Amino acid sequence: MDHRLLEIVACPVCKGKLIYDKENQELICKLDRLAYPIKEGIPVLLEPEARTMKMEEGR
């Protein structure tokens, strides 16, 4: 994941900052508790494609 891209992408729901989770290949929005997948190196920033994170995740 290109770190320059992380500086300009935002959560499509709240427009907040996204955090890159290299292990799971996801972009995480801690405010909305959503994890957006990265497929073949491309972030899929669509709310229906996002995974809702469990309360214990991301601590």
PDB file of N, CA and C in Angstrom:
ATOM      1  N   MET A   1       0.849  -1.183   0.000  1.00  0.00           N
ATOM      2  CA  MET A   1       0.000   0.000   0.000  1.00  0.00           C
ATOM      3  C   MET A   1       0.886   1.234   0.000  1.00  0.00           C
ATOM      4  N   ASP A   2       0.647   2.116  -0.912  1.00  0.00           N
ATOM      5  CA  ASP A   2       1.419   3.349  -1.029  1.00  0.00           C
ATOM      6  C   ASP A   2       1.033   4.307   0.103  1.00  0.00           C
ATOM      7  N   HIS A   3       2.020   4.695   0.892  1.00  0.00           N
ATOM      8  CA  HIS A   3       1.741   5.573   2.044  1.00  0.00           C
ATOM      9  C   HIS A   3       1.288   6.958   1.606  1.00  0.00           C
ATOM     10  N   ARG A   4       1.635   7.382   0.403  1.00  0.00           N
ATOM     11  CA  ARG A   4       1.138   8.674  -0.105  1.00  0.00           C
ATOM     12  C   ARG A   4      -0.368   8.610  -0.317  1.00  0.00           C
ATOM     13  N   LEU A   5      -0.860   7.438  -0.719  1.00  0.00           N
ATOM     14  CA  LEU A   5      -2.291   7.257  -0.911  1.00  0.00           C
ATOM     15  C   LEU A   5      -3.020   7.366   0.424  1.00  0.00           C
ATOM     16  N   LEU A   6      -2.429   6.828   1.479  1.00  0.00           N
ATOM     17  CA  LEU A   6      -3.053   6.890   2.802  1.00  0.00           C
ATOM     18  C   LEU A   6      -3.254   8.326   3.279  1.00  0.00           C
ATOM     19  N   GLU A   7      -2.427   9.237   2.812  1.00  0.00           N
ATOM     20  CA  GLU A   7      -2.544  10.636   3.211  1.00  0.00           C
ATOM     21  C   GLU A   7      -3.760  11.316   2.599  1.00  0.00           C
ATOM     22  N   ILE A   8      -4.268  10.787   1.483  1.00  0.00           N
ATOM     23  CA  ILE A   8      -5.374  11.468   0.800  1.00  0.00           C
ATOM     24  C   ILE A   8      -6.710  10.719   0.857  1.00  0.00           C
ATOM     25  N   VAL A   9      -6.683   9.410   1.134  1.00  0.00           N
ATOM     26  CA  VAL A   9      -7.959   8.679   1.205  1.00  0.00           C
ATOM     27  C   VAL A   9      -8.629   8.930   2.549  1.00  0.00           C
ATOM     28  N   ALA A  10      -9.954   8.842   2.548  1.00  0.00           N
ATOM     29  CA  ALA A  10     -10.731   9.047   3.768  1.00  0.00           C
ATOM     30  C   ALA A  10     -11.900   8.069   3.777  1.00  0.00           C
ATOM     31  N   CYS A  11     -12.427   7.847   4.944  1.00  0.00           N
ATOM     32  CA  CYS A  11     -13.597   6.985   5.083  1.00  0.00           C
ATOM     33  C   CYS A  11     -14.761   7.610   4.299  1.00  0.00           C
ATOM     34  N   PRO A  12     -15.422   6.846   3.453  1.00  0.00           N
ATOM     35  CA  PRO A  12     -16.533   7.409   2.689  1.00  0.00           C
ATOM     36  C   PRO A  12     -17.759   7.725   3.543  1.00  0.00           C
ATOM     37  N   VAL A  13     -17.827   7.179   4.749  1.00  0.00           N
ATOM     38  CA  VAL A  13     -18.974   7.414   5.618  1.00  0.00           C
ATOM     39  C   VAL A  13     -18.798   8.703   6.422  1.00  0.00           C
ATOM     40  N   CYS A  14     -17.677   8.809   7.149  1.00  0.00           N
ATOM     41  CA  CYS A  14     -17.484   9.950   8.055  1.00  0.00           C
ATOM     42  C   CYS A  14     -16.404  10.926   7.586  1.00  0.00           C
ATOM     43  N   LYS A  15     -15.699  10.570   6.521  1.00  0.00           N
ATOM     44  CA  LYS A  15     -14.599  11.374   5.971  1.00  0.00           C
ATOM     45  C   LYS A  15     -13.393  11.430   6.906  1.00  0.00           C
ATOM     46  N   GLY A  16     -13.336  10.488   7.858  1.00  0.00           N
ATOM     47  CA  GLY A  16     -12.228  10.416   8.805  1.00  0.00           C
ATOM     48  C   GLY A  16     -11.025   9.684   8.244  1.00  0.00           C
ATOM     49  N   LYS A  17      -9.961   9.699   9.020  1.00  0.00           N
ATOM     50  CA  LYS A  17      -8.699   9.074   8.632  1.00  0.00           C
ATOM     51  C   LYS A  17      -8.829   7.550   8.650  1.00  0.00           C
ATOM     52  N   LEU A  18      -8.151   6.909   7.699  1.00  0.00           N
ATOM     53  CA  LEU A  18      -8.116   5.455   7.624  1.00  0.00           C
ATOM     54  C   LEU A  18      -6.730   4.966   8.015  1.00  0.00           C
ATOM     55  N   ILE A  19      -6.685   3.837   8.689  1.00  0.00           N
ATOM     56  CA  ILE A  19      -5.437   3.235   9.147  1.00  0.00           C
ATOM     57  C   ILE A  19      -5.222   1.942   8.370  1.00  0.00           C
ATOM     58  N   TYR A  20      -4.007   1.760   7.877  1.00  0.00           N
ATOM     59  CA  TYR A  20      -3.676   0.588   7.073  1.00  0.00           C
ATOM     60  C   TYR A  20      -3.344  -0.596   7.971  1.00  0.00           C
ATOM     61  N   ASP A  21      -4.059  -1.697   7.776  1.00  0.00           N
ATOM     62  CA  ASP A  21      -3.798  -2.952   8.476  1.00  0.00           C
ATOM     63  C   ASP A  21      -3.159  -3.902   7.467  1.00  0.00           C
ATOM     64  N   LYS A  22      -1.829  -3.956   7.498  1.00  0.00           N
ATOM     65  CA  LYS A  22      -1.083  -4.744   6.512  1.00  0.00           C
ATOM     66  C   LYS A  22      -1.404  -6.235   6.617  1.00  0.00           C
ATOM     67  N   GLU A  23      -1.506  -6.745   7.837  1.00  0.00           N
ATOM     68  CA  GLU A  23      -1.740  -8.169   8.058  1.00  0.00           C
ATOM     69  C   GLU A  23      -3.038  -8.649   7.417  1.00  0.00           C
ATOM     70  N   ASN A  24      -4.111  -7.859   7.565  1.00  0.00           N
ATOM     71  CA  ASN A  24      -5.419  -8.251   7.040  1.00  0.00           C
ATOM     72  C   ASN A  24      -5.754  -7.608   5.696  1.00  0.00           C
ATOM     73  N   GLN A  25      -4.830  -6.770   5.187  1.00  0.00           N
ATOM     74  CA  GLN A  25      -5.060  -6.065   3.926  1.00  0.00           C
ATOM     75  C   GLN A  25      -6.391  -5.315   3.954  1.00  0.00           C
ATOM     76  N   GLU A  26      -6.496  -4.402   4.934  1.00  0.00           N
ATOM     77  CA  GLU A  26      -7.700  -3.599   5.106  1.00  0.00           C
ATOM     78  C   GLU A  26      -7.319  -2.169   5.466  1.00  0.00           C
ATOM     79  N   LEU A  27      -8.242  -1.265   5.178  1.00  0.00           N
ATOM     80  CA  LEU A  27      -8.147   0.103   5.666  1.00  0.00           C
ATOM     81  C   LEU A  27      -9.221   0.254   6.731  1.00  0.00           C
ATOM     82  N   ILE A  28      -8.808   0.697   7.909  1.00  0.00           N
ATOM     83  CA  ILE A  28      -9.695   0.708   9.077  1.00  0.00           C
ATOM     84  C   ILE A  28     -10.120   2.129   9.435  1.00  0.00           C
ATOM     85  N   CYS A  29     -11.422   2.298   9.660  1.00  0.00           N
ATOM     86  CA  CYS A  29     -11.953   3.543  10.205  1.00  0.00           C
ATOM     87  C   CYS A  29     -12.351   3.237  11.644  1.00  0.00           C
ATOM     88  N   LYS A  30     -11.589   3.792  12.588  1.00  0.00           N
ATOM     89  CA  LYS A  30     -11.876   3.525  14.003  1.00  0.00           C
ATOM     90  C   LYS A  30     -13.151   4.219  14.466  1.00  0.00           C
ATOM     91  N   LEU A  31     -13.489   5.354  13.868  1.00  0.00           N
ATOM     92  CA  LEU A  31     -14.698   6.074  14.271  1.00  0.00           C
ATOM     93  C   LEU A  31     -15.969   5.289  13.955  1.00  0.00           C
ATOM     94  N   ASP A  32     -16.021   4.708  12.756  1.00  0.00           N
ATOM     95  CA  ASP A  32     -17.203   3.950  12.337  1.00  0.00           C
ATOM     96  C   ASP A  32     -17.089   2.457  12.579  1.00  0.00           C
ATOM     97  N   ARG A  33     -15.889   2.001  13.013  1.00  0.00           N
ATOM     98  CA  ARG A  33     -15.611   0.588  13.242  1.00  0.00           C
ATOM     99  C   ARG A  33     -15.869  -0.232  11.982  1.00  0.00           C
ATOM    100  N   LEU A  34     -15.351   0.298  10.852  1.00  0.00           N
ATOM    101  CA  LEU A  34     -15.481  -0.376   9.564  1.00  0.00           C
ATOM    102  C   LEU A  34     -14.091  -0.707   9.033  1.00  0.00           C
ATOM    103  N   ALA A  35     -13.981  -1.849   8.366  1.00  0.00           N
ATOM    104  CA  ALA A  35     -12.730  -2.278   7.746  1.00  0.00           C
ATOM    105  C   ALA A  35     -12.990  -2.472   6.253  1.00  0.00           C
ATOM    106  N   TYR A  36     -12.348  -1.637   5.440  1.00  0.00           N
ATOM    107  CA  TYR A  36     -12.501  -1.698   3.991  1.00  0.00           C
ATOM    108  C   TYR A  36     -11.427  -2.608   3.413  1.00  0.00           C
ATOM    109  N   PRO A  37     -11.816  -3.563   2.567  1.00  0.00           N
ATOM    110  CA  PRO A  37     -10.830  -4.507   2.021  1.00  0.00           C
ATOM    111  C   PRO A  37      -9.920  -3.848   0.982  1.00  0.00           C
ATOM    112  N   ILE A  38      -8.740  -4.424   0.848  1.00  0.00           N
ATOM    113  CA  ILE A  38      -7.821  -4.051  -0.230  1.00  0.00           C
ATOM    114  C   ILE A  38      -7.697  -5.292  -1.101  1.00  0.00           C
ATOM    115  N   LYS A  39      -8.173  -5.190  -2.337  1.00  0.00           N
ATOM    116  CA  LYS A  39      -8.176  -6.329  -3.257  1.00  0.00           C
ATOM    117  C   LYS A  39      -7.202  -6.058  -4.399  1.00  0.00           C
ATOM    118  N   GLU A  40      -6.211  -6.933  -4.530  1.00  0.00           N
ATOM    119  CA  GLU A  40      -5.192  -6.816  -5.568  1.00  0.00           C
ATOM    120  C   GLU A  40      -4.520  -5.444  -5.529  1.00  0.00           C
ATOM    121  N   GLY A  41      -4.302  -4.945  -4.309  1.00  0.00           N
ATOM    122  CA  GLY A  41      -3.606  -3.679  -4.122  1.00  0.00           C
ATOM    123  C   GLY A  41      -4.482  -2.444  -4.258  1.00  0.00           C
ATOM    124  N   ILE A  42      -5.783  -2.628  -4.477  1.00  0.00           N
ATOM    125  CA  ILE A  42      -6.698  -1.501  -4.670  1.00  0.00           C
ATOM    126  C   ILE A  42      -7.693  -1.451  -3.511  1.00  0.00           C
ATOM    127  N   PRO A  43      -7.750  -0.307  -2.792  1.00  0.00           N
ATOM    128  CA  PRO A  43      -8.726  -0.180  -1.702  1.00  0.00           C
ATOM    129  C   PRO A  43     -10.146  -0.124  -2.253  1.00  0.00           C
ATOM    130  N   VAL A  44     -11.029  -0.906  -1.661  1.00  0.00           N
ATOM    131  CA  VAL A  44     -12.441  -0.906  -2.050  1.00  0.00           C
ATOM    132  C   VAL A  44     -13.184  -0.090  -0.994  1.00  0.00           C
ATOM    133  N   LEU A  45     -13.354   1.194  -1.287  1.00  0.00           N
ATOM    134  CA  LEU A  45     -13.943   2.118  -0.313  1.00  0.00           C
ATOM    135  C   LEU A  45     -15.436   2.293  -0.548  1.00  0.00           C
ATOM    136  N   LEU A  46     -16.143   1.182  -0.487  1.00  0.00           N
ATOM    137  CA  LEU A  46     -17.596   1.168  -0.624  1.00  0.00           C
ATOM    138  C   LEU A  46     -18.183   0.628   0.669  1.00  0.00           C
ATOM    139  N   GLU A  47     -19.107   1.365   1.258  1.00  0.00           N
ATOM    140  CA  GLU A  47     -19.671   0.957   2.548  1.00  0.00           C
ATOM    141  C   GLU A  47     -20.251  -0.463   2.520  1.00  0.00           C
ATOM    142  N   PRO A  48     -20.973  -0.878   1.456  1.00  0.00           N
ATOM    143  CA  PRO A  48     -21.500  -2.248   1.441  1.00  0.00           C
ATOM    144  C   PRO A  48     -20.406  -3.325   1.436  1.00  0.00           C
ATOM    145  N   GLU A  49     -19.209  -2.990   0.986  1.00  0.00           N
ATOM    146  CA  GLU A  49     -18.094  -3.935   0.951  1.00  0.00           C
ATOM    147  C   GLU A  49     -17.325  -3.983   2.273  1.00  0.00           C
ATOM    148  N   ALA A  50     -17.562  -3.010   3.138  1.00  0.00           N
ATOM    149  CA  ALA A  50     -16.821  -2.921   4.404  1.00  0.00           C
ATOM    150  C   ALA A  50     -17.308  -3.966   5.400  1.00  0.00           C
ATOM    151  N   ARG A  51     -16.367  -4.391   6.223  1.00  0.00           N
ATOM    152  CA  ARG A  51     -16.665  -5.341   7.292  1.00  0.00           C
ATOM    153  C   ARG A  51     -16.828  -4.545   8.586  1.00  0.00           C
ATOM    154  N   THR A  52     -17.901  -4.840   9.326  1.00  0.00           N
ATOM    155  CA  THR A  52     -18.097  -4.203  10.621  1.00  0.00           C
ATOM    156  C   THR A  52     -17.177  -4.873  11.623  1.00  0.00           C
ATOM    157  N   MET A  53     -16.399  -4.073  12.316  1.00  0.00           N
ATOM    158  CA  MET A  53     -15.431  -4.600  13.264  1.00  0.00           C
ATOM    159  C   MET A  53     -16.089  -4.908  14.612  1.00  0.00           C
ATOM    160  N   LYS A  54     -15.601  -5.952  15.247  1.00  0.00           N
ATOM    161  CA  LYS A  54     -16.076  -6.311  16.573  1.00  0.00           C
ATOM    162  C   LYS A  54     -15.496  -5.358  17.599  1.00  0.00           C
ATOM    163  N   MET A  55     -16.123  -5.252  18.739  1.00  0.00           N
ATOM    164  CA  MET A  55     -15.707  -4.313  19.780  1.00  0.00           C
ATOM    165  C   MET A  55     -14.261  -4.577  20.242  1.00  0.00           C
ATOM    166  N   GLU A  56     -13.849  -5.829  20.294  1.00  0.00           N
ATOM    167  CA  GLU A  56     -12.514  -6.146  20.797  1.00  0.00           C
ATOM    168  C   GLU A  56     -11.417  -5.920  19.757  1.00  0.00           C
ATOM    169  N   GLU A  57     -11.791  -5.702  18.508  1.00  0.00           N
ATOM    170  CA  GLU A  57     -10.791  -5.465  17.459  1.00  0.00           C
ATOM    171  C   GLU A  57     -10.276  -4.030  17.524  1.00  0.00           C
ATOM    172  N   GLY A  58      -9.015  -3.881  17.136  1.00  0.00           N
ATOM    173  CA  GLY A  58      -8.446  -2.551  17.013  1.00  0.00           C
ATOM    174  C   GLY A  58      -8.070  -1.872  18.296  1.00  0.00           C
ATOM    175  N   ARG A  59      -7.952  -2.613  19.363  1.00  0.00           N
ATOM    176  CA  ARG A  59      -7.572  -1.985  20.636  1.00  0.00           C
ATOM    177  C   ARG A  59      -6.106  -2.010  20.813  1.00  0.00           C
TER     178      ARG A  59
END
